[in-house]
Amino acid sequence: MARYNKIFAGPFTEATPQVQERICAAAVLPGTALIESGANFAQAGANSNLKIYIAQDNYLTLKGVDEAWAAGDRVIGMEMLDEQFFNVRVPTAVNVARGAALTTNAAGKFILAVTGNRIIAFAEEAYNNTSGSDQLVRARAAKGNLAVA
């Protein structure tokens, strides 16, 4: 019997997506924006200029995308690499067109960027959120648009 069960032994080039794990003091919903705060994660605020991570669903405990990580949990934050798609949380009454520039609100949810906002992502689909609740919208990280819309 062979000692290993694979022939290719590495190196592994890039995990998709790249993730970081940190404790987050507040409860966070998957699909919202996170920032580093010392050794921890914090919910990104409005128009944040820090490095943005997207809160992943808590698949480790079999929770869905609408179930928040509890305060004090070790949260998985996905790095926004430009060649990858992410489903980001958009509040109700936000109508997104394909290609729309997105930034964050005070709760770390993605909203339409206006002049003077940092563009964090671009929508990859159109969605008219009249559902009465937050919804996930497909987006891709913005490249070279770090300052204003």
N, C-alpha and C. Protein backbone atom coordinates (compact mmCIF):
# COMPACT_ATOMS: atom_id res chain seq x y z
N MET A 1 0.84 -1.18 0.00
CA MET A 1 0.00 0.00 0.00
C MET A 1 0.89 1.23 0.00
N ALA A 2 0.59 2.17 -0.90
CA ALA A 2 1.37 3.39 -0.99
C ALA A 2 1.12 4.27 0.23
N ARG A 3 2.16 5.01 0.62
CA ARG A 3 2.07 5.89 1.79
C ARG A 3 1.29 7.16 1.49
N TYR A 4 1.28 7.62 0.24
CA TYR A 4 0.56 8.82 -0.16
C TYR A 4 -0.52 8.45 -1.17
N ASN A 5 -1.55 9.28 -1.27
CA ASN A 5 -2.61 8.97 -2.23
C ASN A 5 -2.66 9.94 -3.41
N LYS A 6 -1.65 10.78 -3.58
CA LYS A 6 -1.55 11.70 -4.71
C LYS A 6 -0.14 11.67 -5.27
N ILE A 7 -0.01 11.88 -6.57
CA ILE A 7 1.30 11.94 -7.19
C ILE A 7 1.86 13.35 -7.12
N PHE A 8 1.06 14.37 -7.46
CA PHE A 8 1.53 15.76 -7.40
C PHE A 8 1.56 16.20 -5.95
N ALA A 9 2.73 16.66 -5.50
CA ALA A 9 2.89 17.03 -4.09
C ALA A 9 3.05 18.52 -3.87
N GLY A 10 2.92 19.32 -4.90
CA GLY A 10 2.96 20.76 -4.67
C GLY A 10 4.03 21.44 -5.49
N PRO A 11 4.22 22.70 -5.36
CA PRO A 11 3.50 23.55 -4.42
C PRO A 11 2.13 23.94 -4.96
N PHE A 12 1.23 24.22 -4.06
CA PHE A 12 -0.09 24.72 -4.40
C PHE A 12 0.08 26.19 -4.71
N THR A 13 -0.43 26.66 -5.83
CA THR A 13 -0.12 28.02 -6.26
C THR A 13 -1.02 29.09 -5.67
N GLU A 14 -2.33 28.87 -5.64
CA GLU A 14 -3.22 29.90 -5.09
C GLU A 14 -4.55 29.27 -4.71
N ALA A 15 -4.89 29.39 -3.45
CA ALA A 15 -6.21 28.95 -3.02
C ALA A 15 -7.23 29.97 -3.49
N THR A 16 -8.37 29.51 -3.93
CA THR A 16 -9.40 30.44 -4.35
C THR A 16 -10.64 30.24 -3.51
N PRO A 17 -11.09 31.19 -2.80
CA PRO A 17 -10.46 32.50 -2.63
C PRO A 17 -9.43 32.49 -1.52
N GLN A 18 -8.58 33.52 -1.52
CA GLN A 18 -7.66 33.71 -0.42
C GLN A 18 -8.47 34.19 0.78
N VAL A 19 -8.22 33.64 1.96
CA VAL A 19 -9.01 34.02 3.14
C VAL A 19 -8.11 34.36 4.31
N GLN A 20 -8.67 35.14 5.22
CA GLN A 20 -8.06 35.44 6.51
C GLN A 20 -9.09 35.10 7.56
N GLU A 21 -8.63 34.66 8.71
CA GLU A 21 -9.54 34.38 9.82
C GLU A 21 -9.17 35.29 10.98
N ARG A 22 -10.19 35.96 11.53
CA ARG A 22 -9.99 36.86 12.65
C ARG A 22 -11.24 36.83 13.52
N ILE A 23 -11.05 37.18 14.80
CA ILE A 23 -12.18 37.35 15.71
C ILE A 23 -12.86 38.66 15.34
N CYS A 24 -14.19 38.68 15.39
CA CYS A 24 -14.95 39.90 15.15
C CYS A 24 -15.83 40.16 16.36
N ALA A 25 -15.69 41.33 16.94
CA ALA A 25 -16.40 41.66 18.18
C ALA A 25 -17.90 41.77 17.97
N ALA A 26 -18.33 42.16 16.79
CA ALA A 26 -19.76 42.32 16.51
C ALA A 26 -20.24 41.20 15.60
N ALA A 27 -21.53 40.93 15.64
CA ALA A 27 -22.12 39.96 14.71
C ALA A 27 -22.06 40.53 13.29
N VAL A 28 -21.74 39.67 12.32
CA VAL A 28 -21.66 40.12 10.92
C VAL A 28 -22.40 39.16 10.02
N LEU A 29 -23.04 39.72 9.01
CA LEU A 29 -23.74 38.92 8.02
C LEU A 29 -22.80 38.55 6.88
N PRO A 30 -22.92 37.34 6.36
CA PRO A 30 -22.14 36.98 5.17
C PRO A 30 -22.45 37.94 4.02
N GLY A 31 -21.43 38.24 3.24
CA GLY A 31 -21.59 39.15 2.10
C GLY A 31 -21.37 40.60 2.44
N THR A 32 -21.13 40.90 3.72
CA THR A 32 -20.84 42.29 4.09
C THR A 32 -19.34 42.51 4.10
N ALA A 33 -18.95 43.78 4.12
CA ALA A 33 -17.53 44.15 4.07
C ALA A 33 -16.93 44.18 5.46
N LEU A 34 -15.72 43.65 5.57
CA LEU A 34 -14.95 43.65 6.81
C LEU A 34 -13.65 44.39 6.59
N ILE A 35 -13.10 44.94 7.67
CA ILE A 35 -11.76 45.54 7.65
C ILE A 35 -10.97 44.97 8.81
N GLU A 36 -9.66 45.06 8.74
CA GLU A 36 -8.82 44.65 9.86
C GLU A 36 -8.82 45.76 10.90
N SER A 37 -8.93 45.37 12.15
CA SER A 37 -8.88 46.31 13.27
C SER A 37 -7.95 45.71 14.31
N GLY A 38 -6.67 46.09 14.22
CA GLY A 38 -5.67 45.43 15.05
C GLY A 38 -5.54 43.98 14.62
N ALA A 39 -5.66 43.05 15.55
CA ALA A 39 -5.58 41.63 15.24
C ALA A 39 -6.95 41.04 14.92
N ASN A 40 -7.99 41.87 14.87
CA ASN A 40 -9.35 41.38 14.68
C ASN A 40 -9.96 41.93 13.41
N PHE A 41 -11.18 41.45 13.08
CA PHE A 41 -11.99 42.04 12.03
C PHE A 41 -13.00 42.97 12.67
N ALA A 42 -13.40 43.98 11.91
CA ALA A 42 -14.51 44.85 12.28
C ALA A 42 -15.36 45.05 11.04
N GLN A 43 -16.62 45.39 11.23
CA GLN A 43 -17.49 45.69 10.10
C GLN A 43 -16.98 46.96 9.44
N ALA A 44 -16.82 46.94 8.13
CA ALA A 44 -16.40 48.15 7.41
C ALA A 44 -17.49 49.20 7.55
N GLY A 45 -17.08 50.44 7.65
CA GLY A 45 -18.03 51.54 7.75
C GLY A 45 -18.32 52.12 6.38
N ALA A 46 -18.95 53.27 6.38
CA ALA A 46 -19.31 53.95 5.14
C ALA A 46 -18.06 54.38 4.39
N ASN A 47 -17.99 54.01 3.10
CA ASN A 47 -16.94 54.49 2.21
C ASN A 47 -15.54 54.24 2.76
N SER A 48 -15.29 53.06 3.28
CA SER A 48 -14.01 52.75 3.92
C SER A 48 -12.86 52.81 2.93
N ASN A 49 -11.73 53.34 3.37
CA ASN A 49 -10.53 53.39 2.54
C ASN A 49 -9.52 52.31 2.94
N LEU A 50 -9.90 51.39 3.81
CA LEU A 50 -9.01 50.31 4.22
C LEU A 50 -9.20 49.09 3.32
N LYS A 51 -8.32 48.10 3.47
CA LYS A 51 -8.44 46.87 2.70
C LYS A 51 -9.75 46.18 3.09
N ILE A 52 -10.50 45.79 2.09
CA ILE A 52 -11.82 45.19 2.30
C ILE A 52 -11.76 43.68 2.13
N TYR A 53 -12.40 42.99 3.05
CA TYR A 53 -12.63 41.55 2.97
C TYR A 53 -14.14 41.34 2.91
N ILE A 54 -14.58 40.24 2.34
CA ILE A 54 -16.00 39.90 2.30
C ILE A 54 -16.23 38.76 3.29
N ALA A 55 -17.19 38.95 4.19
CA ALA A 55 -17.51 37.91 5.17
C ALA A 55 -18.11 36.71 4.45
N GLN A 56 -17.48 35.56 4.64
CA GLN A 56 -17.95 34.32 4.02
C GLN A 56 -19.08 33.74 4.85
N ASP A 57 -19.91 32.91 4.22
CA ASP A 57 -20.93 32.21 4.98
C ASP A 57 -20.24 31.23 5.94
N ASN A 58 -20.86 30.96 7.06
CA ASN A 58 -20.26 30.10 8.08
C ASN A 58 -20.53 28.63 7.74
N TYR A 59 -19.89 28.16 6.68
CA TYR A 59 -20.07 26.79 6.23
C TYR A 59 -19.53 25.79 7.25
N LEU A 60 -18.64 26.23 8.14
CA LEU A 60 -18.06 25.33 9.14
C LEU A 60 -19.12 24.83 10.13
N THR A 61 -20.16 25.62 10.34
CA THR A 61 -21.25 25.22 11.23
C THR A 61 -22.56 25.01 10.46
N LEU A 62 -22.43 24.84 9.14
CA LEU A 62 -23.56 24.56 8.25
C LEU A 62 -24.63 25.65 8.28
N LYS A 63 -24.21 26.90 8.43
CA LYS A 63 -25.16 28.01 8.42
C LYS A 63 -25.26 28.59 7.02
N GLY A 64 -26.41 29.15 6.71
CA GLY A 64 -26.67 29.72 5.41
C GLY A 64 -26.17 31.15 5.28
N VAL A 65 -26.39 31.73 4.10
CA VAL A 65 -25.88 33.07 3.81
C VAL A 65 -26.65 34.17 4.52
N ASP A 66 -27.81 33.87 5.09
CA ASP A 66 -28.57 34.88 5.82
C ASP A 66 -28.45 34.73 7.33
N GLU A 67 -27.57 33.85 7.78
CA GLU A 67 -27.35 33.66 9.21
C GLU A 67 -26.03 34.32 9.61
N ALA A 68 -26.12 35.26 10.54
CA ALA A 68 -24.96 36.06 10.95
C ALA A 68 -23.96 35.23 11.75
N TRP A 69 -22.70 35.59 11.60
CA TRP A 69 -21.66 35.10 12.51
C TRP A 69 -21.92 35.77 13.85
N ALA A 70 -21.85 35.04 14.93
CA ALA A 70 -22.09 35.61 16.26
C ALA A 70 -20.93 36.50 16.68
N ALA A 71 -21.23 37.49 17.50
CA ALA A 71 -20.18 38.35 18.06
C ALA A 71 -19.18 37.48 18.81
N GLY A 72 -17.91 37.75 18.60
CA GLY A 72 -16.85 36.98 19.25
C GLY A 72 -16.41 35.74 18.49
N ASP A 73 -17.07 35.42 17.38
CA ASP A 73 -16.68 34.27 16.56
C ASP A 73 -15.43 34.59 15.75
N ARG A 74 -14.74 33.54 15.35
CA ARG A 74 -13.65 33.66 14.38
C ARG A 74 -14.30 33.65 13.01
N VAL A 75 -14.26 34.79 12.34
CA VAL A 75 -14.93 34.99 11.06
C VAL A 75 -13.96 34.76 9.92
N ILE A 76 -14.44 34.21 8.83
CA ILE A 76 -13.64 34.01 7.63
C ILE A 76 -13.90 35.19 6.70
N GLY A 77 -12.85 35.95 6.40
CA GLY A 77 -12.94 37.08 5.48
C GLY A 77 -12.22 36.74 4.19
N MET A 78 -12.92 36.86 3.07
CA MET A 78 -12.33 36.55 1.76
C MET A 78 -11.71 37.81 1.16
N GLU A 79 -10.46 37.69 0.71
CA GLU A 79 -9.81 38.81 0.04
C GLU A 79 -10.42 38.98 -1.35
N MET A 80 -10.67 40.22 -1.72
CA MET A 80 -11.28 40.49 -3.01
C MET A 80 -10.22 40.54 -4.10
N LEU A 81 -9.99 39.42 -4.74
CA LEU A 81 -9.07 39.36 -5.87
C LEU A 81 -9.85 39.70 -7.13
N ASP A 82 -9.25 40.49 -8.02
CA ASP A 82 -10.01 41.04 -9.14
C ASP A 82 -10.47 40.01 -10.16
N GLU A 83 -9.89 38.84 -10.19
CA GLU A 83 -10.32 37.85 -11.18
C GLU A 83 -11.42 36.94 -10.65
N GLN A 84 -11.95 37.24 -9.48
CA GLN A 84 -12.96 36.39 -8.85
C GLN A 84 -14.26 37.16 -8.65
N PHE A 85 -15.35 36.41 -8.60
CA PHE A 85 -16.66 36.99 -8.33
C PHE A 85 -17.02 36.76 -6.87
N PHE A 86 -17.77 37.69 -6.30
CA PHE A 86 -18.26 37.58 -4.93
C PHE A 86 -19.72 37.99 -4.92
N ASN A 87 -20.49 37.40 -4.04
CA ASN A 87 -21.87 37.81 -3.83
C ASN A 87 -21.89 38.71 -2.61
N VAL A 88 -22.18 39.99 -2.84
CA VAL A 88 -22.11 40.98 -1.77
C VAL A 88 -23.52 41.39 -1.36
N ARG A 89 -23.66 41.77 -0.10
CA ARG A 89 -24.97 42.09 0.48
C ARG A 89 -25.36 43.53 0.16
N VAL A 90 -26.53 43.66 -0.48
CA VAL A 90 -27.08 44.96 -0.87
C VAL A 90 -28.37 45.17 -0.09
N PRO A 91 -28.52 46.34 0.56
CA PRO A 91 -29.74 46.60 1.34
C PRO A 91 -30.98 46.71 0.45
N THR A 92 -32.13 46.54 1.08
CA THR A 92 -33.39 46.71 0.37
C THR A 92 -33.50 48.13 -0.19
N ALA A 93 -34.20 48.27 -1.29
CA ALA A 93 -34.44 49.55 -1.99
C ALA A 93 -33.22 50.06 -2.74
N VAL A 94 -32.15 49.28 -2.84
CA VAL A 94 -30.99 49.67 -3.65
C VAL A 94 -31.12 48.94 -4.99
N ASN A 95 -31.19 49.70 -6.05
CA ASN A 95 -31.34 49.14 -7.38
C ASN A 95 -30.00 49.21 -8.10
N VAL A 96 -29.47 48.07 -8.44
CA VAL A 96 -28.12 47.97 -9.00
C VAL A 96 -28.19 47.63 -10.48
N ALA A 97 -27.49 48.39 -11.29
CA ALA A 97 -27.36 48.09 -12.72
C ALA A 97 -26.05 47.34 -12.94
N ARG A 98 -26.01 46.50 -13.96
CA ARG A 98 -24.76 45.81 -14.29
C ARG A 98 -23.68 46.85 -14.57
N GLY A 99 -22.51 46.70 -13.95
CA GLY A 99 -21.42 47.63 -14.12
C GLY A 99 -21.45 48.79 -13.14
N ALA A 100 -22.45 48.85 -12.27
CA ALA A 100 -22.55 49.94 -11.31
C ALA A 100 -21.41 49.89 -10.31
N ALA A 101 -20.89 51.06 -9.97
CA ALA A 101 -19.83 51.18 -8.97
C ALA A 101 -20.45 51.06 -7.58
N LEU A 102 -19.82 50.25 -6.72
CA LEU A 102 -20.34 50.01 -5.38
C LEU A 102 -19.34 50.43 -4.31
N THR A 103 -19.85 50.96 -3.23
CA THR A 103 -19.08 51.29 -2.04
C THR A 103 -19.82 50.69 -0.86
N THR A 104 -19.44 51.03 0.38
CA THR A 104 -20.11 50.46 1.55
C THR A 104 -20.85 51.54 2.34
N ASN A 105 -21.90 51.10 3.04
CA ASN A 105 -22.60 52.00 3.95
C ASN A 105 -22.08 51.77 5.37
N ALA A 106 -22.67 52.39 6.36
CA ALA A 106 -22.20 52.28 7.74
C ALA A 106 -22.29 50.87 8.31
N ALA A 107 -23.14 50.02 7.72
CA ALA A 107 -23.29 48.65 8.19
C ALA A 107 -22.46 47.65 7.39
N GLY A 108 -21.59 48.14 6.50
CA GLY A 108 -20.75 47.25 5.70
C GLY A 108 -21.47 46.62 4.53
N LYS A 109 -22.67 47.09 4.23
CA LYS A 109 -23.42 46.59 3.08
C LYS A 109 -23.05 47.43 1.86
N PHE A 110 -23.23 46.86 0.68
CA PHE A 110 -22.80 47.52 -0.54
C PHE A 110 -23.93 48.36 -1.13
N ILE A 111 -23.59 49.61 -1.44
CA ILE A 111 -24.54 50.56 -2.01
C ILE A 111 -23.89 51.21 -3.23
N LEU A 112 -24.69 51.96 -3.98
CA LEU A 112 -24.17 52.64 -5.16
C LEU A 112 -23.21 53.75 -4.75
N ALA A 113 -22.07 53.80 -5.40
CA ALA A 113 -21.08 54.85 -5.13
C ALA A 113 -21.51 56.13 -5.84
N VAL A 114 -21.24 57.25 -5.19
CA VAL A 114 -21.49 58.57 -5.79
C VAL A 114 -20.16 59.31 -5.83
N THR A 115 -20.14 60.45 -6.47
CA THR A 115 -18.91 61.24 -6.58
C THR A 115 -18.30 61.44 -5.20
N GLY A 116 -17.03 61.15 -5.08
CA GLY A 116 -16.32 61.30 -3.82
C GLY A 116 -16.20 60.01 -3.03
N ASN A 117 -16.94 58.97 -3.41
CA ASN A 117 -16.86 57.67 -2.72
C ASN A 117 -15.74 56.82 -3.29
N ARG A 118 -15.19 55.97 -2.46
CA ARG A 118 -14.25 54.96 -2.93
C ARG A 118 -15.05 53.85 -3.60
N ILE A 119 -14.66 53.48 -4.80
CA ILE A 119 -15.30 52.36 -5.49
C ILE A 119 -14.60 51.08 -5.05
N ILE A 120 -15.35 50.20 -4.41
CA ILE A 120 -14.79 48.95 -3.90
C ILE A 120 -15.03 47.80 -4.88
N ALA A 121 -16.19 47.81 -5.53
CA ALA A 121 -16.53 46.71 -6.44
C ALA A 121 -17.42 47.24 -7.55
N PHE A 122 -17.55 46.44 -8.61
CA PHE A 122 -18.48 46.71 -9.69
C PHE A 122 -19.48 45.57 -9.76
N ALA A 123 -20.75 45.91 -9.93
CA ALA A 123 -21.79 44.89 -10.04
C ALA A 123 -21.62 44.12 -11.34
N GLU A 124 -21.79 42.83 -11.27
CA GLU A 124 -21.70 41.96 -12.45
C GLU A 124 -23.09 41.53 -12.91
N GLU A 125 -24.11 42.06 -12.26
CA GLU A 125 -25.48 41.76 -12.67
C GLU A 125 -26.37 42.93 -12.28
N ALA A 126 -27.50 43.03 -12.93
CA ALA A 126 -28.50 44.03 -12.57
C ALA A 126 -29.47 43.39 -11.59
N TYR A 127 -29.83 44.14 -10.53
CA TYR A 127 -30.81 43.63 -9.57
C TYR A 127 -31.57 44.80 -8.96
N ASN A 128 -32.88 44.76 -9.07
CA ASN A 128 -33.76 45.77 -8.50
C ASN A 128 -34.26 45.22 -7.17
N ASN A 129 -33.65 45.65 -6.07
CA ASN A 129 -33.97 45.06 -4.77
C ASN A 129 -35.22 45.70 -4.15
N THR A 130 -36.35 45.17 -4.57
CA THR A 130 -37.63 45.57 -3.98
C THR A 130 -38.17 44.43 -3.13
N SER A 131 -37.30 43.54 -2.70
CA SER A 131 -37.71 42.34 -1.96
C SER A 131 -38.12 42.62 -0.52
N GLY A 132 -37.71 43.76 0.02
CA GLY A 132 -38.00 44.07 1.41
C GLY A 132 -36.94 43.56 2.37
N SER A 133 -35.88 42.96 1.83
CA SER A 133 -34.78 42.49 2.67
C SER A 133 -33.47 42.62 1.91
N ASP A 134 -32.38 42.49 2.64
CA ASP A 134 -31.07 42.49 1.99
C ASP A 134 -31.01 41.34 0.99
N GLN A 135 -30.28 41.55 -0.10
CA GLN A 135 -30.09 40.50 -1.09
C GLN A 135 -28.62 40.45 -1.49
N LEU A 136 -28.21 39.32 -2.03
CA LEU A 136 -26.84 39.15 -2.52
C LEU A 136 -26.81 39.46 -4.01
N VAL A 137 -25.82 40.25 -4.40
CA VAL A 137 -25.65 40.65 -5.79
C VAL A 137 -24.22 40.30 -6.21
N ARG A 138 -24.07 39.73 -7.38
CA ARG A 138 -22.76 39.33 -7.90
C ARG A 138 -21.93 40.56 -8.21
N ALA A 139 -20.67 40.56 -7.74
CA ALA A 139 -19.78 41.70 -7.94
C ALA A 139 -18.34 41.22 -8.12
N ARG A 140 -17.52 42.12 -8.62
CA ARG A 140 -16.09 41.87 -8.81
C ARG A 140 -15.34 43.06 -8.23
N ALA A 141 -14.18 42.79 -7.63
CA ALA A 141 -13.38 43.87 -7.04
C ALA A 141 -13.01 44.92 -8.08
N ALA A 142 -13.03 46.17 -7.67
CA ALA A 142 -12.64 47.26 -8.55
C ALA A 142 -11.12 47.34 -8.59
N LYS A 143 -10.57 47.58 -9.76
CA LYS A 143 -9.13 47.78 -9.90
C LYS A 143 -8.89 49.23 -10.28
N GLY A 144 -7.93 49.87 -9.59
CA GLY A 144 -7.52 51.20 -9.96
C GLY A 144 -8.57 52.28 -9.73
N ASN A 145 -9.56 52.02 -8.88
CA ASN A 145 -10.62 53.00 -8.60
C ASN A 145 -10.71 53.22 -7.11
N LEU A 146 -9.59 53.45 -6.47
CA LEU A 146 -9.57 53.47 -5.02
C LEU A 146 -10.02 54.78 -4.40
N ALA A 147 -10.14 55.85 -5.15
CA ALA A 147 -10.43 57.12 -4.52
C ALA A 147 -11.86 57.61 -4.71
N VAL A 148 -12.30 57.81 -5.94
CA VAL A 148 -13.60 58.43 -6.14
C VAL A 148 -14.36 57.77 -7.28
N ALA A 149 -15.66 57.99 -7.28
CA ALA A 149 -16.51 57.45 -8.35
C ALA A 149 -16.39 58.29 -9.59
